[in-house]
Amino acid sequence: MKDILDSEKTTLKNIPHGHNNPSVREIEDLAKDVKDSINKYRTTECQKGREMDWDKAKDDWKAHQDETSRHTAELAEDVEPYMLLDE
């Protein structure tokens, strides 16, 4: 029994702390913010006469963002691929 408890303590030390990792709910909220931002970008570009589909708008938006925003968008897509699909 002592061996099992010791191995659990060792295993738990290797798990990152929760405050460093966003929860799924936080990722969903961030994905919604990213999606809204992409929609605004797409609308603005369409008003300028530049028609684009969702995937093109998403790619262009990512290209103009800082690394953190791109990472957030990619994380949201990795967690739930449907999160950043056009509705």
PDB file of N, CA and C in Angstrom:
ATOM      1  N   MET A   1       0.821  -1.187   0.000  1.00  0.00           N
ATOM      2  CA  MET A   1       0.000   0.000   0.000  1.00  0.00           C
ATOM      3  C   MET A   1       0.873   1.262   0.000  1.00  0.00           C
ATOM      4  N   LYS A   2       1.959   1.215   0.791  1.00  0.00           N
ATOM      5  CA  LYS A   2       2.848   2.366   0.861  1.00  0.00           C
ATOM      6  C   LYS A   2       3.460   2.649  -0.510  1.00  0.00           C
ATOM      7  N   ASP A   3       3.786   1.611  -1.253  1.00  0.00           N
ATOM      8  CA  ASP A   3       4.353   1.785  -2.594  1.00  0.00           C
ATOM      9  C   ASP A   3       3.367   2.496  -3.525  1.00  0.00           C
ATOM     10  N   ILE A   4       2.104   2.134  -3.432  1.00  0.00           N
ATOM     11  CA  ILE A   4       1.073   2.754  -4.269  1.00  0.00           C
ATOM     12  C   ILE A   4       0.953   4.230  -3.937  1.00  0.00           C
ATOM     13  N   LEU A   5       0.900   4.564  -2.650  1.00  0.00           N
ATOM     14  CA  LEU A   5       0.789   5.963  -2.243  1.00  0.00           C
ATOM     15  C   LEU A   5       2.007   6.770  -2.668  1.00  0.00           C
ATOM     16  N   ASP A   6       3.190   6.183  -2.532  1.00  0.00           N
ATOM     17  CA  ASP A   6       4.407   6.883  -2.953  1.00  0.00           C
ATOM     18  C   ASP A   6       4.408   7.134  -4.452  1.00  0.00           C
ATOM     19  N   SER A   7       3.948   6.160  -5.236  1.00  0.00           N
ATOM     20  CA  SER A   7       3.919   6.356  -6.690  1.00  0.00           C
ATOM     21  C   SER A   7       2.887   7.405  -7.081  1.00  0.00           C
ATOM     22  N   GLU A   8       1.759   7.485  -6.347  1.00  0.00           N
ATOM     23  CA  GLU A   8       0.762   8.518  -6.624  1.00  0.00           C
ATOM     24  C   GLU A   8       1.322   9.903  -6.329  1.00  0.00           C
ATOM     25  N   LYS A   9       2.066  10.059  -5.247  1.00  0.00           N
ATOM     26  CA  LYS A   9       2.670  11.347  -4.921  1.00  0.00           C
ATOM     27  C   LYS A   9       3.635  11.776  -6.022  1.00  0.00           C
ATOM     28  N   THR A  10       4.415  10.840  -6.513  1.00  0.00           N
ATOM     29  CA  THR A  10       5.364  11.138  -7.585  1.00  0.00           C
ATOM     30  C   THR A  10       4.623  11.540  -8.846  1.00  0.00           C
ATOM     31  N   THR A  11       3.550  10.834  -9.166  1.00  0.00           N
ATOM     32  CA  THR A  11       2.762  11.130 -10.359  1.00  0.00           C
ATOM     33  C   THR A  11       2.102  12.496 -10.244  1.00  0.00           C
ATOM     34  N   LEU A  12       1.556  12.815  -9.089  1.00  0.00           N
ATOM     35  CA  LEU A  12       0.882  14.090  -8.903  1.00  0.00           C
ATOM     36  C   LEU A  12       1.833  15.275  -9.016  1.00  0.00           C
ATOM     37  N   LYS A  13       3.099  15.089  -8.674  1.00  0.00           N
ATOM     38  CA  LYS A  13       4.076  16.168  -8.796  1.00  0.00           C
ATOM     39  C   LYS A  13       4.283  16.568 -10.255  1.00  0.00           C
ATOM     40  N   ASN A  14       4.064  15.636 -11.171  1.00  0.00           N
ATOM     41  CA  ASN A  14       4.300  15.892 -12.596  1.00  0.00           C
ATOM     42  C   ASN A  14       3.121  16.538 -13.298  1.00  0.00           C
ATOM     43  N   ILE A  15       1.987  16.667 -12.630  1.00  0.00           N
ATOM     44  CA  ILE A  15       0.802  17.280 -13.231  1.00  0.00           C
ATOM     45  C   ILE A  15       0.891  18.791 -13.031  1.00  0.00           C
ATOM     46  N   PRO A  16       0.761  19.571 -14.093  1.00  0.00           N
ATOM     47  CA  PRO A  16       0.839  21.025 -13.949  1.00  0.00           C
ATOM     48  C   PRO A  16      -0.282  21.565 -13.066  1.00  0.00           C
ATOM     49  N   HIS A  17      -0.001  22.673 -12.403  1.00  0.00           N
ATOM     50  CA  HIS A  17      -1.003  23.310 -11.549  1.00  0.00           C
ATOM     51  C   HIS A  17      -2.138  23.864 -12.389  1.00  0.00           C
ATOM     52  N   GLY A  18      -3.348  23.862 -11.825  1.00  0.00           N
ATOM     53  CA  GLY A  18      -4.535  24.313 -12.530  1.00  0.00           C
ATOM     54  C   GLY A  18      -4.499  25.769 -12.940  1.00  0.00           C
ATOM     55  N   HIS A  19      -3.848  26.630 -12.176  1.00  0.00           N
ATOM     56  CA  HIS A  19      -3.849  28.048 -12.528  1.00  0.00           C
ATOM     57  C   HIS A  19      -3.027  28.336 -13.777  1.00  0.00           C
ATOM     58  N   ASN A  20      -2.186  27.414 -14.160  1.00  0.00           N
ATOM     59  CA  ASN A  20      -1.390  27.599 -15.375  1.00  0.00           C
ATOM     60  C   ASN A  20      -2.126  27.149 -16.633  1.00  0.00           C
ATOM     61  N   ASN A  21      -3.135  26.329 -16.474  1.00  0.00           N
ATOM     62  CA  ASN A  21      -3.854  25.764 -17.603  1.00  0.00           C
ATOM     63  C   ASN A  21      -5.288  26.277 -17.623  1.00  0.00           C
ATOM     64  N   PRO A  22      -5.701  26.850 -18.742  1.00  0.00           N
ATOM     65  CA  PRO A  22      -7.086  27.339 -18.802  1.00  0.00           C
ATOM     66  C   PRO A  22      -8.070  26.179 -18.799  1.00  0.00           C
ATOM     67  N   SER A  23      -9.203  26.402 -18.161  1.00  0.00           N
ATOM     68  CA  SER A  23     -10.241  25.378 -18.141  1.00  0.00           C
ATOM     69  C   SER A  23     -10.934  25.346 -19.502  1.00  0.00           C
ATOM     70  N   VAL A  24     -11.679  24.306 -19.731  1.00  0.00           N
ATOM     71  CA  VAL A  24     -12.414  24.180 -20.986  1.00  0.00           C
ATOM     72  C   VAL A  24     -13.382  25.348 -21.136  1.00  0.00           C
ATOM     73  N   ARG A  25     -14.002  25.770 -20.047  1.00  0.00           N
ATOM     74  CA  ARG A  25     -14.937  26.900 -20.089  1.00  0.00           C
ATOM     75  C   ARG A  25     -14.221  28.184 -20.514  1.00  0.00           C
ATOM     76  N   GLU A  26     -13.031  28.398 -19.985  1.00  0.00           N
ATOM     77  CA  GLU A  26     -12.245  29.577 -20.370  1.00  0.00           C
ATOM     78  C   GLU A  26     -11.860  29.513 -21.841  1.00  0.00           C
ATOM     79  N   ILE A  27     -11.520  28.319 -22.313  1.00  0.00           N
ATOM     80  CA  ILE A  27     -11.167  28.155 -23.724  1.00  0.00           C
ATOM     81  C   ILE A  27     -12.380  28.431 -24.599  1.00  0.00           C
ATOM     82  N   GLU A  28     -13.555  27.960 -24.170  1.00  0.00           N
ATOM     83  CA  GLU A  28     -14.782  28.233 -24.930  1.00  0.00           C
ATOM     84  C   GLU A  28     -15.057  29.728 -24.994  1.00  0.00           C
ATOM     85  N   ASP A  29     -14.865  30.423 -23.872  1.00  0.00           N
ATOM     86  CA  ASP A  29     -15.071  31.878 -23.851  1.00  0.00           C
ATOM     87  C   ASP A  29     -14.073  32.588 -24.761  1.00  0.00           C
ATOM     88  N   LEU A  30     -12.824  32.163 -24.710  1.00  0.00           N
ATOM     89  CA  LEU A  30     -11.808  32.751 -25.582  1.00  0.00           C
ATOM     90  C   LEU A  30     -12.125  32.473 -27.046  1.00  0.00           C
ATOM     91  N   ALA A  31     -12.591  31.253 -27.329  1.00  0.00           N
ATOM     92  CA  ALA A  31     -12.943  30.901 -28.707  1.00  0.00           C
ATOM     93  C   ALA A  31     -14.088  31.772 -29.208  1.00  0.00           C
ATOM     94  N   LYS A  32     -15.044  32.053 -28.334  1.00  0.00           N
ATOM     95  CA  LYS A  32     -16.159  32.929 -28.732  1.00  0.00           C
ATOM     96  C   LYS A  32     -15.645  34.334 -29.040  1.00  0.00           C
ATOM     97  N   ASP A  33     -14.734  34.830 -28.217  1.00  0.00           N
ATOM     98  CA  ASP A  33     -14.145  36.147 -28.462  1.00  0.00           C
ATOM     99  C   ASP A  33     -13.374  36.178 -29.779  1.00  0.00           C
ATOM    100  N   VAL A  34     -12.626  35.120 -30.042  1.00  0.00           N
ATOM    101  CA  VAL A  34     -11.868  35.033 -31.291  1.00  0.00           C
ATOM    102  C   VAL A  34     -12.821  34.994 -32.477  1.00  0.00           C
ATOM    103  N   LYS A  35     -13.878  34.189 -32.347  1.00  0.00           N
ATOM    104  CA  LYS A  35     -14.856  34.069 -33.425  1.00  0.00           C
ATOM    105  C   LYS A  35     -15.528  35.412 -33.709  1.00  0.00           C
ATOM    106  N   ASP A  36     -15.882  36.140 -32.648  1.00  0.00           N
ATOM    107  CA  ASP A  36     -16.477  37.464 -32.829  1.00  0.00           C
ATOM    108  C   ASP A  36     -15.507  38.410 -33.526  1.00  0.00           C
ATOM    109  N   SER A  37     -14.246  38.335 -33.137  1.00  0.00           N
ATOM    110  CA  SER A  37     -13.235  39.193 -33.749  1.00  0.00           C
ATOM    111  C   SER A  37     -13.052  38.859 -35.235  1.00  0.00           C
ATOM    112  N   ILE A  38     -13.067  37.576 -35.566  1.00  0.00           N
ATOM    113  CA  ILE A  38     -12.945  37.162 -36.972  1.00  0.00           C
ATOM    114  C   ILE A  38     -14.155  37.641 -37.761  1.00  0.00           C
ATOM    115  N   ASN A  39     -15.342  37.532 -37.173  1.00  0.00           N
ATOM    116  CA  ASN A  39     -16.553  38.017 -37.849  1.00  0.00           C
ATOM    117  C   ASN A  39     -16.477  39.516 -38.119  1.00  0.00           C
ATOM    118  N   LYS A  40     -15.981  40.285 -37.141  1.00  0.00           N
ATOM    119  CA  LYS A  40     -15.825  41.727 -37.336  1.00  0.00           C
ATOM    120  C   LYS A  40     -14.829  42.011 -38.459  1.00  0.00           C
ATOM    121  N   TYR A  41     -13.726  41.274 -38.457  1.00  0.00           N
ATOM    122  CA  TYR A  41     -12.719  41.435 -39.512  1.00  0.00           C
ATOM    123  C   TYR A  41     -13.321  41.118 -40.878  1.00  0.00           C
ATOM    124  N   ARG A  42     -14.052  40.013 -40.939  1.00  0.00           N
ATOM    125  CA  ARG A  42     -14.673  39.591 -42.202  1.00  0.00           C
ATOM    126  C   ARG A  42     -15.681  40.634 -42.696  1.00  0.00           C
ATOM    127  N   THR A  43     -16.498  41.149 -41.780  1.00  0.00           N
ATOM    128  CA  THR A  43     -17.485  42.169 -42.144  1.00  0.00           C
ATOM    129  C   THR A  43     -16.805  43.430 -42.661  1.00  0.00           C
ATOM    130  N   THR A  44     -15.759  43.867 -41.970  1.00  0.00           N
ATOM    131  CA  THR A  44     -15.015  45.058 -42.385  1.00  0.00           C
ATOM    132  C   THR A  44     -14.419  44.875 -43.776  1.00  0.00           C
ATOM    133  N   GLU A  45     -13.827  43.723 -44.011  1.00  0.00           N
ATOM    134  CA  GLU A  45     -13.218  43.461 -45.319  1.00  0.00           C
ATOM    135  C   GLU A  45     -14.278  43.381 -46.419  1.00  0.00           C
ATOM    136  N   CYS A  46     -15.429  42.795 -46.113  1.00  0.00           N
ATOM    137  CA  CYS A  46     -16.508  42.712 -47.104  1.00  0.00           C
ATOM    138  C   CYS A  46     -17.059  44.096 -47.428  1.00  0.00           C
ATOM    139  N   GLN A  47     -17.098  44.983 -46.434  1.00  0.00           N
ATOM    140  CA  GLN A  47     -17.552  46.350 -46.677  1.00  0.00           C
ATOM    141  C   GLN A  47     -16.581  47.099 -47.586  1.00  0.00           C
ATOM    142  N   LYS A  48     -15.332  46.687 -47.569  1.00  0.00           N
ATOM    143  CA  LYS A  48     -14.321  47.297 -48.442  1.00  0.00           C
ATOM    144  C   LYS A  48     -14.399  46.715 -49.855  1.00  0.00           C
ATOM    145  N   GLY A  49     -15.298  45.740 -50.049  1.00  0.00           N
ATOM    146  CA  GLY A  49     -15.462  45.124 -51.359  1.00  0.00           C
ATOM    147  C   GLY A  49     -14.632  43.872 -51.553  1.00  0.00           C
ATOM    148  N   ARG A  50     -14.056  43.379 -50.507  1.00  0.00           N
ATOM    149  CA  ARG A  50     -13.226  42.169 -50.591  1.00  0.00           C
ATOM    150  C   ARG A  50     -14.017  40.980 -50.058  1.00  0.00           C
ATOM    151  N   GLU A  51     -14.659  40.246 -50.942  1.00  0.00           N
ATOM    152  CA  GLU A  51     -15.437  39.076 -50.530  1.00  0.00           C
ATOM    153  C   GLU A  51     -14.496  37.962 -50.082  1.00  0.00           C
ATOM    154  N   MET A  52     -14.847  37.343 -48.985  1.00  0.00           N
ATOM    155  CA  MET A  52     -14.035  36.218 -48.510  1.00  0.00           C
ATOM    156  C   MET A  52     -14.902  35.238 -47.744  1.00  0.00           C
ATOM    157  N   ASP A  53     -14.524  33.967 -47.845  1.00  0.00           N
ATOM    158  CA  ASP A  53     -15.244  32.955 -47.079  1.00  0.00           C
ATOM    159  C   ASP A  53     -14.659  32.901 -45.666  1.00  0.00           C
ATOM    160  N   TRP A  54     -15.279  32.097 -44.828  1.00  0.00           N
ATOM    161  CA  TRP A  54     -14.885  32.039 -43.425  1.00  0.00           C
ATOM    162  C   TRP A  54     -13.433  31.603 -43.257  1.00  0.00           C
ATOM    163  N   ASP A  55     -13.024  30.557 -43.973  1.00  0.00           N
ATOM    164  CA  ASP A  55     -11.668  30.045 -43.813  1.00  0.00           C
ATOM    165  C   ASP A  55     -10.620  31.087 -44.201  1.00  0.00           C
ATOM    166  N   LYS A  56     -10.872  31.821 -45.277  1.00  0.00           N
ATOM    167  CA  LYS A  56      -9.955  32.881 -45.703  1.00  0.00           C
ATOM    168  C   LYS A  56      -9.892  33.990 -44.656  1.00  0.00           C
ATOM    169  N   ALA A  57     -11.049  34.378 -44.119  1.00  0.00           N
ATOM    170  CA  ALA A  57     -11.089  35.410 -43.080  1.00  0.00           C
ATOM    171  C   ALA A  57     -10.334  34.961 -41.832  1.00  0.00           C
ATOM    172  N   LYS A  58     -10.526  33.696 -41.443  1.00  0.00           N
ATOM    173  CA  LYS A  58      -9.850  33.167 -40.266  1.00  0.00           C
ATOM    174  C   LYS A  58      -8.335  33.154 -40.471  1.00  0.00           C
ATOM    175  N   ASP A  59      -7.892  32.717 -41.647  1.00  0.00           N
ATOM    176  CA  ASP A  59      -6.455  32.691 -41.943  1.00  0.00           C
ATOM    177  C   ASP A  59      -5.857  34.095 -41.967  1.00  0.00           C
ATOM    178  N   ASP A  60      -6.548  35.039 -42.605  1.00  0.00           N
ATOM    179  CA  ASP A  60      -6.076  36.426 -42.645  1.00  0.00           C
ATOM    180  C   ASP A  60      -6.027  37.026 -41.246  1.00  0.00           C
ATOM    181  N   TRP A  61      -7.061  36.770 -40.458  1.00  0.00           N
ATOM    182  CA  TRP A  61      -7.116  37.293 -39.096  1.00  0.00           C
ATOM    183  C   TRP A  61      -5.934  36.779 -38.287  1.00  0.00           C
ATOM    184  N   LYS A  62      -5.685  35.463 -38.381  1.00  0.00           N
ATOM    185  CA  LYS A  62      -4.564  34.871 -37.646  1.00  0.00           C
ATOM    186  C   LYS A  62      -3.235  35.492 -38.064  1.00  0.00           C
ATOM    187  N   ALA A  63      -3.088  35.771 -39.343  1.00  0.00           N
ATOM    188  CA  ALA A  63      -1.837  36.332 -39.849  1.00  0.00           C
ATOM    189  C   ALA A  63      -1.560  37.722 -39.279  1.00  0.00           C
ATOM    190  N   HIS A  64      -2.591  38.442 -38.878  1.00  0.00           N
ATOM    191  CA  HIS A  64      -2.432  39.803 -38.367  1.00  0.00           C
ATOM    192  C   HIS A  64      -2.431  39.878 -36.838  1.00  0.00           C
ATOM    193  N   GLN A  65      -2.445  38.745 -36.169  1.00  0.00           N
ATOM    194  CA  GLN A  65      -2.511  38.725 -34.706  1.00  0.00           C
ATOM    195  C   GLN A  65      -1.157  38.420 -34.088  1.00  0.00           C
ATOM    196  N   ASP A  66      -1.059  38.763 -32.817  1.00  0.00           N
ATOM    197  CA  ASP A  66       0.166  38.414 -32.098  1.00  0.00           C
ATOM    198  C   ASP A  66       0.167  36.915 -31.800  1.00  0.00           C
ATOM    199  N   GLU A  67       1.279  36.444 -31.317  1.00  0.00           N
ATOM    200  CA  GLU A  67       1.444  35.005 -31.097  1.00  0.00           C
ATOM    201  C   GLU A  67       0.437  34.454 -30.086  1.00  0.00           C
ATOM    202  N   THR A  68       0.120  35.224 -29.062  1.00  0.00           N
ATOM    203  CA  THR A  68      -0.825  34.764 -28.046  1.00  0.00           C
ATOM    204  C   THR A  68      -2.214  34.550 -28.630  1.00  0.00           C
ATOM    205  N   SER A  69      -2.686  35.485 -29.430  1.00  0.00           N
ATOM    206  CA  SER A  69      -4.014  35.352 -30.041  1.00  0.00           C
ATOM    207  C   SER A  69      -4.059  34.174 -31.009  1.00  0.00           C
ATOM    208  N   ARG A  70      -2.999  34.010 -31.786  1.00  0.00           N
ATOM    209  CA  ARG A  70      -2.938  32.856 -32.709  1.00  0.00           C
ATOM    210  C   ARG A  70      -2.957  31.559 -31.921  1.00  0.00           C
ATOM    211  N   HIS A  71      -2.191  31.518 -30.837  1.00  0.00           N
ATOM    212  CA  HIS A  71      -2.143  30.309 -30.016  1.00  0.00           C
ATOM    213  C   HIS A  71      -3.513  30.008 -29.417  1.00  0.00           C
ATOM    214  N   THR A  72      -4.206  31.040 -28.965  1.00  0.00           N
ATOM    215  CA  THR A  72      -5.550  30.859 -28.397  1.00  0.00           C
ATOM    216  C   THR A  72      -6.494  30.268 -29.439  1.00  0.00           C
ATOM    217  N   ALA A  73      -6.445  30.811 -30.654  1.00  0.00           N
ATOM    218  CA  ALA A  73      -7.311  30.304 -31.725  1.00  0.00           C
ATOM    219  C   ALA A  73      -6.974  28.854 -32.054  1.00  0.00           C
ATOM    220  N   GLU A  74      -5.699  28.542 -32.116  1.00  0.00           N
ATOM    221  CA  GLU A  74      -5.295  27.166 -32.426  1.00  0.00           C
ATOM    222  C   GLU A  74      -5.662  26.215 -31.295  1.00  0.00           C
ATOM    223  N   LEU A  75      -5.519  26.676 -30.058  1.00  0.00           N
ATOM    224  CA  LEU A  75      -5.904  25.848 -28.912  1.00  0.00           C
ATOM    225  C   LEU A  75      -7.392  25.556 -28.929  1.00  0.00           C
ATOM    226  N   ALA A  76      -8.185  26.565 -29.223  1.00  0.00           N
ATOM    227  CA  ALA A  76      -9.638  26.378 -29.280  1.00  0.00           C
ATOM    228  C   ALA A  76     -10.008  25.363 -30.362  1.00  0.00           C
ATOM    229  N   GLU A  77      -9.341  25.443 -31.496  1.00  0.00           N
ATOM    230  CA  GLU A  77      -9.623  24.491 -32.573  1.00  0.00           C
ATOM    231  C   GLU A  77      -9.161  23.086 -32.210  1.00  0.00           C
ATOM    232  N   ASP A  78      -8.045  22.982 -31.486  1.00  0.00           N
ATOM    233  CA  ASP A  78      -7.560  21.660 -31.088  1.00  0.00           C
ATOM    234  C   ASP A  78      -8.488  21.011 -30.063  1.00  0.00           C
ATOM    235  N   VAL A  79      -8.992  21.815 -29.134  1.00  0.00           N
ATOM    236  CA  VAL A  79      -9.865  21.267 -28.097  1.00  0.00           C
ATOM    237  C   VAL A  79     -11.207  20.856 -28.685  1.00  0.00           C
ATOM    238  N   GLU A  80     -11.818  21.749 -29.425  1.00  0.00           N
ATOM    239  CA  GLU A  80     -13.110  21.480 -30.055  1.00  0.00           C
ATOM    240  C   GLU A  80     -13.085  22.054 -31.455  1.00  0.00           C
ATOM    241  N   PRO A  81     -12.853  21.237 -32.454  1.00  0.00           N
ATOM    242  CA  PRO A  81     -12.722  21.750 -33.817  1.00  0.00           C
ATOM    243  C   PRO A  81     -13.906  22.578 -34.317  1.00  0.00           C
ATOM    244  N   TYR A  82     -15.089  22.337 -33.803  1.00  0.00           N
ATOM    245  CA  TYR A  82     -16.253  23.080 -34.259  1.00  0.00           C
ATOM    246  C   TYR A  82     -16.320  24.492 -33.701  1.00  0.00           C
ATOM    247  N   MET A  83     -15.508  24.823 -32.698  1.00  0.00           N
ATOM    248  CA  MET A  83     -15.607  26.124 -32.029  1.00  0.00           C
ATOM    249  C   MET A  83     -15.394  27.297 -32.974  1.00  0.00           C
ATOM    250  N   LEU A  84     -14.507  27.156 -33.926  1.00  0.00           N
ATOM    251  CA  LEU A  84     -14.217  28.284 -34.806  1.00  0.00           C
ATOM    252  C   LEU A  84     -14.751  28.063 -36.223  1.00  0.00           C
ATOM    253  N   LEU A  85     -15.774  27.238 -36.336  1.00  0.00           N
ATOM    254  CA  LEU A  85     -16.429  27.082 -37.632  1.00  0.00           C
ATOM    255  C   LEU A  85     -17.452  28.179 -37.811  1.00  0.00           C
ATOM    256  N   ASP A  86     -17.660  28.576 -39.053  1.00  0.00           N
ATOM    257  CA  ASP A  86     -18.673  29.589 -39.341  1.00  0.00           C
ATOM    258  C   ASP A  86     -20.036  28.986 -39.057  1.00  0.00           C
ATOM    259  N   GLU A  87     -20.909  29.779 -38.480  1.00  0.00           N
ATOM    260  CA  GLU A  87     -22.258  29.263 -38.163  1.00  0.00           C
ATOM    261  C   GLU A  87     -23.187  29.456 -39.316  1.00  0.00           C
TER     262      GLU A  87
END
